Amino acid sequence: MFGKLKKIASNGKDHAVSLAVQKAFDHNMKGIGKMLEFRLDSQKKTIHFTVMLEGEHEPLEVTVERYTILNEGTKSFILIDAIKTSRKWIDVLSSQYLVGKKMELPQEYANIIAMIV
């Protein structure tokens, strides 16, 4: 029973974080694109999002299949273990420049990050 309650709480938290990320993306990326969907599953450590980028005819779909959030002092980092997109060339770039690389997350999103961990 405790496991079921934990899953319900986690789903609610993930939904709230997803809405916040979607709003932040749309606010910060005006003129570049619009986020159509953002789904976070903090238990499975997956992220899926779809964005419609300006000048594109089809949305870009991105699935982070595994991630890790690292906290070092007052800084937070994300480490992406696996990622797939709907564009082959982005898959190639992602594997070269994102997968396995520790990337610092903006401090202004520390509260959201703390909710994920």
N, C-alpha and C. Protein backbone atom coordinates (compact mmCIF):
# COMPACT_ATOMS: atom_id res chain seq x y z
N MET A 1 0.81 -1.19 0.00
CA MET A 1 0.00 0.00 0.00
C MET A 1 0.86 1.26 0.00
N PHE A 2 1.96 1.26 0.79
CA PHE A 2 2.85 2.42 0.84
C PHE A 2 3.44 2.69 -0.54
N GLY A 3 3.79 1.63 -1.26
CA GLY A 3 4.36 1.78 -2.61
C GLY A 3 3.38 2.44 -3.56
N LYS A 4 2.10 2.12 -3.43
CA LYS A 4 1.07 2.71 -4.28
C LYS A 4 0.91 4.20 -3.99
N LEU A 5 0.90 4.56 -2.70
CA LEU A 5 0.81 5.97 -2.32
C LEU A 5 2.03 6.75 -2.79
N LYS A 6 3.20 6.15 -2.69
CA LYS A 6 4.43 6.80 -3.15
C LYS A 6 4.36 7.06 -4.65
N LYS A 7 3.84 6.10 -5.40
CA LYS A 7 3.71 6.26 -6.85
C LYS A 7 2.73 7.38 -7.20
N ILE A 8 1.62 7.46 -6.50
CA ILE A 8 0.63 8.52 -6.73
C ILE A 8 1.26 9.89 -6.45
N ALA A 9 1.98 9.99 -5.32
CA ALA A 9 2.65 11.26 -4.98
C ALA A 9 3.69 11.62 -6.03
N SER A 10 4.44 10.63 -6.48
CA SER A 10 5.48 10.85 -7.48
C SER A 10 4.86 11.31 -8.80
N ASN A 11 3.75 10.70 -9.19
CA ASN A 11 3.08 11.10 -10.44
C ASN A 11 2.60 12.54 -10.37
N GLY A 12 2.06 12.94 -9.21
CA GLY A 12 1.61 14.32 -9.04
C GLY A 12 2.77 15.29 -9.11
N LYS A 13 3.87 14.94 -8.46
CA LYS A 13 5.08 15.77 -8.47
C LYS A 13 5.61 15.90 -9.90
N ASP A 14 5.66 14.78 -10.61
CA ASP A 14 6.16 14.80 -11.99
C ASP A 14 5.29 15.67 -12.88
N HIS A 15 3.98 15.61 -12.67
CA HIS A 15 3.06 16.43 -13.47
C HIS A 15 3.29 17.92 -13.19
N ALA A 16 3.45 18.28 -11.92
CA ALA A 16 3.68 19.68 -11.55
C ALA A 16 5.00 20.18 -12.14
N VAL A 17 6.04 19.38 -12.06
CA VAL A 17 7.34 19.75 -12.63
C VAL A 17 7.22 19.88 -14.14
N SER A 18 6.50 18.98 -14.77
CA SER A 18 6.32 19.02 -16.23
C SER A 18 5.66 20.32 -16.66
N LEU A 19 4.63 20.74 -15.94
CA LEU A 19 3.96 22.00 -16.26
C LEU A 19 4.90 23.19 -16.09
N ALA A 20 5.69 23.18 -15.02
CA ALA A 20 6.64 24.28 -14.77
C ALA A 20 7.70 24.35 -15.87
N VAL A 21 8.22 23.19 -16.27
CA VAL A 21 9.24 23.16 -17.33
C VAL A 21 8.65 23.67 -18.64
N GLN A 22 7.44 23.24 -18.95
CA GLN A 22 6.79 23.67 -20.19
C GLN A 22 6.62 25.19 -20.21
N LYS A 23 6.18 25.78 -19.10
CA LYS A 23 6.01 27.24 -19.02
C LYS A 23 7.36 27.95 -19.15
N ALA A 24 8.37 27.44 -18.45
CA ALA A 24 9.70 28.07 -18.51
C ALA A 24 10.26 28.01 -19.93
N PHE A 25 10.10 26.88 -20.60
CA PHE A 25 10.59 26.75 -21.97
C PHE A 25 9.91 27.77 -22.87
N ASP A 26 8.58 27.81 -22.82
CA ASP A 26 7.84 28.73 -23.68
C ASP A 26 8.20 30.19 -23.40
N HIS A 27 8.42 30.52 -22.13
CA HIS A 27 8.79 31.89 -21.77
C HIS A 27 10.19 32.25 -22.29
N ASN A 28 11.14 31.34 -22.14
CA ASN A 28 12.53 31.61 -22.50
C ASN A 28 12.85 31.38 -23.98
N MET A 29 12.00 30.69 -24.69
CA MET A 29 12.30 30.33 -26.08
C MET A 29 11.38 31.01 -27.08
N LYS A 30 10.81 32.14 -26.71
CA LYS A 30 9.94 32.89 -27.64
C LYS A 30 10.69 33.17 -28.92
N GLY A 31 10.05 32.91 -30.04
CA GLY A 31 10.67 33.13 -31.33
C GLY A 31 11.49 31.95 -31.83
N ILE A 32 11.74 30.99 -30.95
CA ILE A 32 12.52 29.81 -31.34
C ILE A 32 11.61 28.60 -31.51
N GLY A 33 10.64 28.48 -30.63
CA GLY A 33 9.74 27.35 -30.71
C GLY A 33 8.79 27.30 -29.54
N LYS A 34 7.89 26.32 -29.59
CA LYS A 34 6.89 26.13 -28.55
C LYS A 34 6.90 24.67 -28.13
N MET A 35 6.89 24.45 -26.83
CA MET A 35 6.84 23.08 -26.32
C MET A 35 5.40 22.59 -26.40
N LEU A 36 5.22 21.48 -27.06
CA LEU A 36 3.89 20.89 -27.21
C LEU A 36 3.58 19.90 -26.09
N GLU A 37 4.62 19.28 -25.57
CA GLU A 37 4.42 18.25 -24.54
C GLU A 37 5.72 18.08 -23.75
N PHE A 38 5.59 17.84 -22.46
CA PHE A 38 6.74 17.52 -21.62
C PHE A 38 6.27 16.53 -20.57
N ARG A 39 6.92 15.37 -20.52
CA ARG A 39 6.58 14.35 -19.54
C ARG A 39 7.84 13.91 -18.81
N LEU A 40 7.77 13.93 -17.52
CA LEU A 40 8.87 13.50 -16.66
C LEU A 40 8.40 12.29 -15.87
N ASP A 41 9.24 11.28 -15.80
CA ASP A 41 8.99 10.13 -14.93
C ASP A 41 10.22 9.99 -14.03
N SER A 42 10.12 10.58 -12.83
CA SER A 42 11.28 10.61 -11.94
C SER A 42 11.62 9.24 -11.38
N GLN A 43 10.67 8.32 -11.36
CA GLN A 43 10.96 6.97 -10.87
C GLN A 43 11.75 6.18 -11.91
N LYS A 44 11.36 6.30 -13.18
CA LYS A 44 12.07 5.59 -14.25
C LYS A 44 13.26 6.37 -14.77
N LYS A 45 13.38 7.65 -14.33
CA LYS A 45 14.46 8.54 -14.76
C LYS A 45 14.42 8.77 -16.27
N THR A 46 13.20 9.08 -16.77
CA THR A 46 13.03 9.37 -18.19
C THR A 46 12.36 10.74 -18.37
N ILE A 47 12.64 11.34 -19.51
CA ILE A 47 12.01 12.61 -19.90
C ILE A 47 11.64 12.47 -21.37
N HIS A 48 10.43 12.91 -21.69
CA HIS A 48 10.02 12.95 -23.10
C HIS A 48 9.42 14.32 -23.36
N PHE A 49 9.85 14.93 -24.46
CA PHE A 49 9.21 16.19 -24.83
C PHE A 49 9.14 16.33 -26.34
N THR A 50 8.16 17.15 -26.74
CA THR A 50 7.94 17.45 -28.15
C THR A 50 7.90 18.96 -28.29
N VAL A 51 8.70 19.49 -29.22
CA VAL A 51 8.71 20.92 -29.48
C VAL A 51 8.49 21.18 -30.96
N MET A 52 7.79 22.27 -31.22
CA MET A 52 7.62 22.74 -32.60
C MET A 52 8.53 23.93 -32.76
N LEU A 53 9.60 23.75 -33.51
CA LEU A 53 10.59 24.80 -33.70
C LEU A 53 10.21 25.68 -34.88
N GLU A 54 10.48 26.96 -34.76
CA GLU A 54 10.18 27.91 -35.82
C GLU A 54 10.85 27.46 -37.12
N GLY A 55 10.12 27.51 -38.21
CA GLY A 55 10.66 27.16 -39.52
C GLY A 55 10.63 25.67 -39.83
N GLU A 56 10.28 24.84 -38.86
CA GLU A 56 10.20 23.40 -39.08
C GLU A 56 8.78 23.02 -39.49
N HIS A 57 8.68 21.93 -40.23
CA HIS A 57 7.37 21.46 -40.68
C HIS A 57 6.81 20.38 -39.77
N GLU A 58 7.68 19.71 -39.04
CA GLU A 58 7.27 18.65 -38.13
C GLU A 58 7.88 18.89 -36.76
N PRO A 59 7.17 18.52 -35.70
CA PRO A 59 7.73 18.69 -34.36
C PRO A 59 8.95 17.80 -34.13
N LEU A 60 9.80 18.23 -33.24
CA LEU A 60 10.96 17.46 -32.81
C LEU A 60 10.57 16.71 -31.54
N GLU A 61 10.78 15.41 -31.54
CA GLU A 61 10.52 14.60 -30.35
C GLU A 61 11.85 14.17 -29.76
N VAL A 62 11.95 14.30 -28.44
CA VAL A 62 13.17 13.94 -27.73
C VAL A 62 12.79 13.06 -26.53
N THR A 63 13.51 11.96 -26.40
CA THR A 63 13.31 11.08 -25.25
C THR A 63 14.67 10.85 -24.58
N VAL A 64 14.77 11.31 -23.36
CA VAL A 64 15.94 11.01 -22.54
C VAL A 64 15.58 9.71 -21.82
N GLU A 65 16.27 8.64 -22.21
CA GLU A 65 15.90 7.32 -21.70
C GLU A 65 16.42 7.04 -20.30
N ARG A 66 17.48 7.70 -19.92
CA ARG A 66 18.02 7.57 -18.56
C ARG A 66 18.80 8.85 -18.24
N TYR A 67 18.57 9.38 -17.05
CA TYR A 67 19.32 10.54 -16.60
C TYR A 67 19.62 10.40 -15.12
N THR A 68 20.59 11.17 -14.67
CA THR A 68 20.94 11.23 -13.26
C THR A 68 21.10 12.70 -12.90
N ILE A 69 20.52 13.10 -11.77
CA ILE A 69 20.71 14.46 -11.24
C ILE A 69 21.78 14.36 -10.16
N LEU A 70 22.80 15.19 -10.27
CA LEU A 70 23.89 15.20 -9.30
C LEU A 70 23.89 16.54 -8.59
N ASN A 71 24.04 16.52 -7.29
CA ASN A 71 24.14 17.74 -6.49
C ASN A 71 25.54 17.81 -5.92
N GLU A 72 26.22 18.91 -6.20
CA GLU A 72 27.58 19.13 -5.69
C GLU A 72 27.60 20.51 -5.06
N GLY A 73 27.54 20.52 -3.74
CA GLY A 73 27.46 21.80 -3.04
C GLY A 73 26.15 22.48 -3.37
N THR A 74 26.24 23.71 -3.88
CA THR A 74 25.03 24.46 -4.23
C THR A 74 24.67 24.30 -5.70
N LYS A 75 25.44 23.51 -6.44
CA LYS A 75 25.21 23.34 -7.87
C LYS A 75 24.55 22.00 -8.17
N SER A 76 23.72 22.01 -9.21
CA SER A 76 23.08 20.78 -9.67
C SER A 76 23.49 20.52 -11.11
N PHE A 77 23.65 19.25 -11.42
CA PHE A 77 24.07 18.83 -12.75
C PHE A 77 23.15 17.71 -13.23
N ILE A 78 23.06 17.57 -14.54
CA ILE A 78 22.36 16.44 -15.13
C ILE A 78 23.37 15.65 -15.94
N LEU A 79 23.26 14.36 -15.84
CA LEU A 79 24.09 13.44 -16.61
C LEU A 79 23.12 12.59 -17.43
N ILE A 80 23.19 12.71 -18.74
CA ILE A 80 22.31 11.96 -19.62
C ILE A 80 23.02 10.68 -20.05
N ASP A 81 22.37 9.56 -19.78
CA ASP A 81 22.95 8.26 -20.12
C ASP A 81 22.54 7.78 -21.50
N ALA A 82 21.33 8.14 -21.94
CA ALA A 82 20.84 7.71 -23.25
C ALA A 82 19.77 8.68 -23.72
N ILE A 83 19.80 9.01 -25.02
CA ILE A 83 18.84 9.95 -25.60
C ILE A 83 18.53 9.54 -27.03
N LYS A 84 17.27 9.71 -27.42
CA LYS A 84 16.84 9.46 -28.80
C LYS A 84 15.94 10.60 -29.23
N THR A 85 16.05 10.96 -30.51
CA THR A 85 15.21 12.02 -31.04
C THR A 85 14.58 11.56 -32.36
N SER A 86 13.71 12.40 -32.88
CA SER A 86 13.08 12.10 -34.16
C SER A 86 13.93 12.57 -35.34
N ARG A 87 15.13 13.07 -35.07
CA ARG A 87 16.05 13.50 -36.13
C ARG A 87 17.37 12.75 -35.98
N LYS A 88 17.75 12.00 -36.98
CA LYS A 88 18.97 11.20 -36.93
C LYS A 88 20.20 12.07 -36.65
N TRP A 89 20.29 13.23 -37.29
CA TRP A 89 21.47 14.07 -37.11
C TRP A 89 21.57 14.59 -35.68
N ILE A 90 20.43 14.80 -35.02
CA ILE A 90 20.47 15.23 -33.62
C ILE A 90 20.89 14.06 -32.73
N ASP A 91 20.50 12.84 -33.10
CA ASP A 91 20.97 11.66 -32.36
C ASP A 91 22.50 11.57 -32.39
N VAL A 92 23.07 11.82 -33.56
CA VAL A 92 24.53 11.75 -33.71
C VAL A 92 25.20 12.84 -32.85
N LEU A 93 24.70 14.07 -32.95
CA LEU A 93 25.25 15.17 -32.14
C LEU A 93 25.08 14.89 -30.65
N SER A 94 23.92 14.39 -30.27
CA SER A 94 23.66 14.10 -28.86
C SER A 94 24.63 13.07 -28.32
N SER A 95 24.88 12.03 -29.09
CA SER A 95 25.80 10.99 -28.61
C SER A 95 27.22 11.53 -28.47
N GLN A 96 27.59 12.50 -29.29
CA GLN A 96 28.94 13.07 -29.22
C GLN A 96 29.08 14.14 -28.14
N TYR A 97 28.03 14.95 -27.91
CA TYR A 97 28.17 16.12 -27.05
C TYR A 97 27.32 16.13 -25.78
N LEU A 98 26.36 15.23 -25.65
CA LEU A 98 25.50 15.23 -24.46
C LEU A 98 25.62 13.97 -23.61
N VAL A 99 25.57 12.82 -24.25
CA VAL A 99 25.56 11.55 -23.52
C VAL A 99 26.87 11.38 -22.76
N GLY A 100 26.73 11.13 -21.46
CA GLY A 100 27.90 10.90 -20.62
C GLY A 100 28.61 12.16 -20.15
N LYS A 101 28.08 13.33 -20.51
CA LYS A 101 28.70 14.60 -20.10
C LYS A 101 27.88 15.21 -18.98
N LYS A 102 28.55 15.68 -17.95
CA LYS A 102 27.90 16.34 -16.83
C LYS A 102 27.65 17.80 -17.21
N MET A 103 26.36 18.21 -17.18
CA MET A 103 26.00 19.58 -17.56
C MET A 103 25.37 20.29 -16.37
N GLU A 104 25.88 21.48 -16.08
CA GLU A 104 25.33 22.24 -14.96
C GLU A 104 23.94 22.77 -15.31
N LEU A 105 23.04 22.65 -14.35
CA LEU A 105 21.68 23.16 -14.52
C LEU A 105 21.59 24.56 -13.95
N PRO A 106 20.82 25.45 -14.57
CA PRO A 106 20.71 26.83 -14.10
C PRO A 106 20.23 26.89 -12.65
N GLN A 107 20.86 27.72 -11.86
CA GLN A 107 20.55 27.85 -10.44
C GLN A 107 19.11 28.31 -10.21
N GLU A 108 18.56 29.11 -11.13
CA GLU A 108 17.20 29.62 -10.94
C GLU A 108 16.15 28.51 -10.98
N TYR A 109 16.56 27.32 -11.41
CA TYR A 109 15.62 26.19 -11.43
C TYR A 109 15.92 25.20 -10.30
N ALA A 110 16.64 25.64 -9.28
CA ALA A 110 17.04 24.77 -8.18
C ALA A 110 15.84 24.15 -7.47
N ASN A 111 14.75 24.91 -7.28
CA ASN A 111 13.58 24.37 -6.60
C ASN A 111 12.94 23.25 -7.40
N ILE A 112 12.86 23.42 -8.70
CA ILE A 112 12.30 22.37 -9.56
C ILE A 112 13.21 21.14 -9.51
N ILE A 113 14.50 21.37 -9.58
CA ILE A 113 15.46 20.26 -9.54
C ILE A 113 15.34 19.51 -8.22
N ALA A 114 15.20 20.25 -7.13
CA ALA A 114 15.07 19.60 -5.82
C ALA A 114 13.83 18.73 -5.76
N MET A 115 12.77 19.09 -6.46
CA MET A 115 11.54 18.28 -6.49
C MET A 115 11.77 16.96 -7.25
N ILE A 116 12.64 16.99 -8.24
CA ILE A 116 12.89 15.80 -9.06
C ILE A 116 13.69 14.77 -8.28
N VAL A 117 14.68 15.24 -7.54
CA VAL A 117 15.62 14.33 -6.87
C VAL A 117 14.95 13.60 -5.72
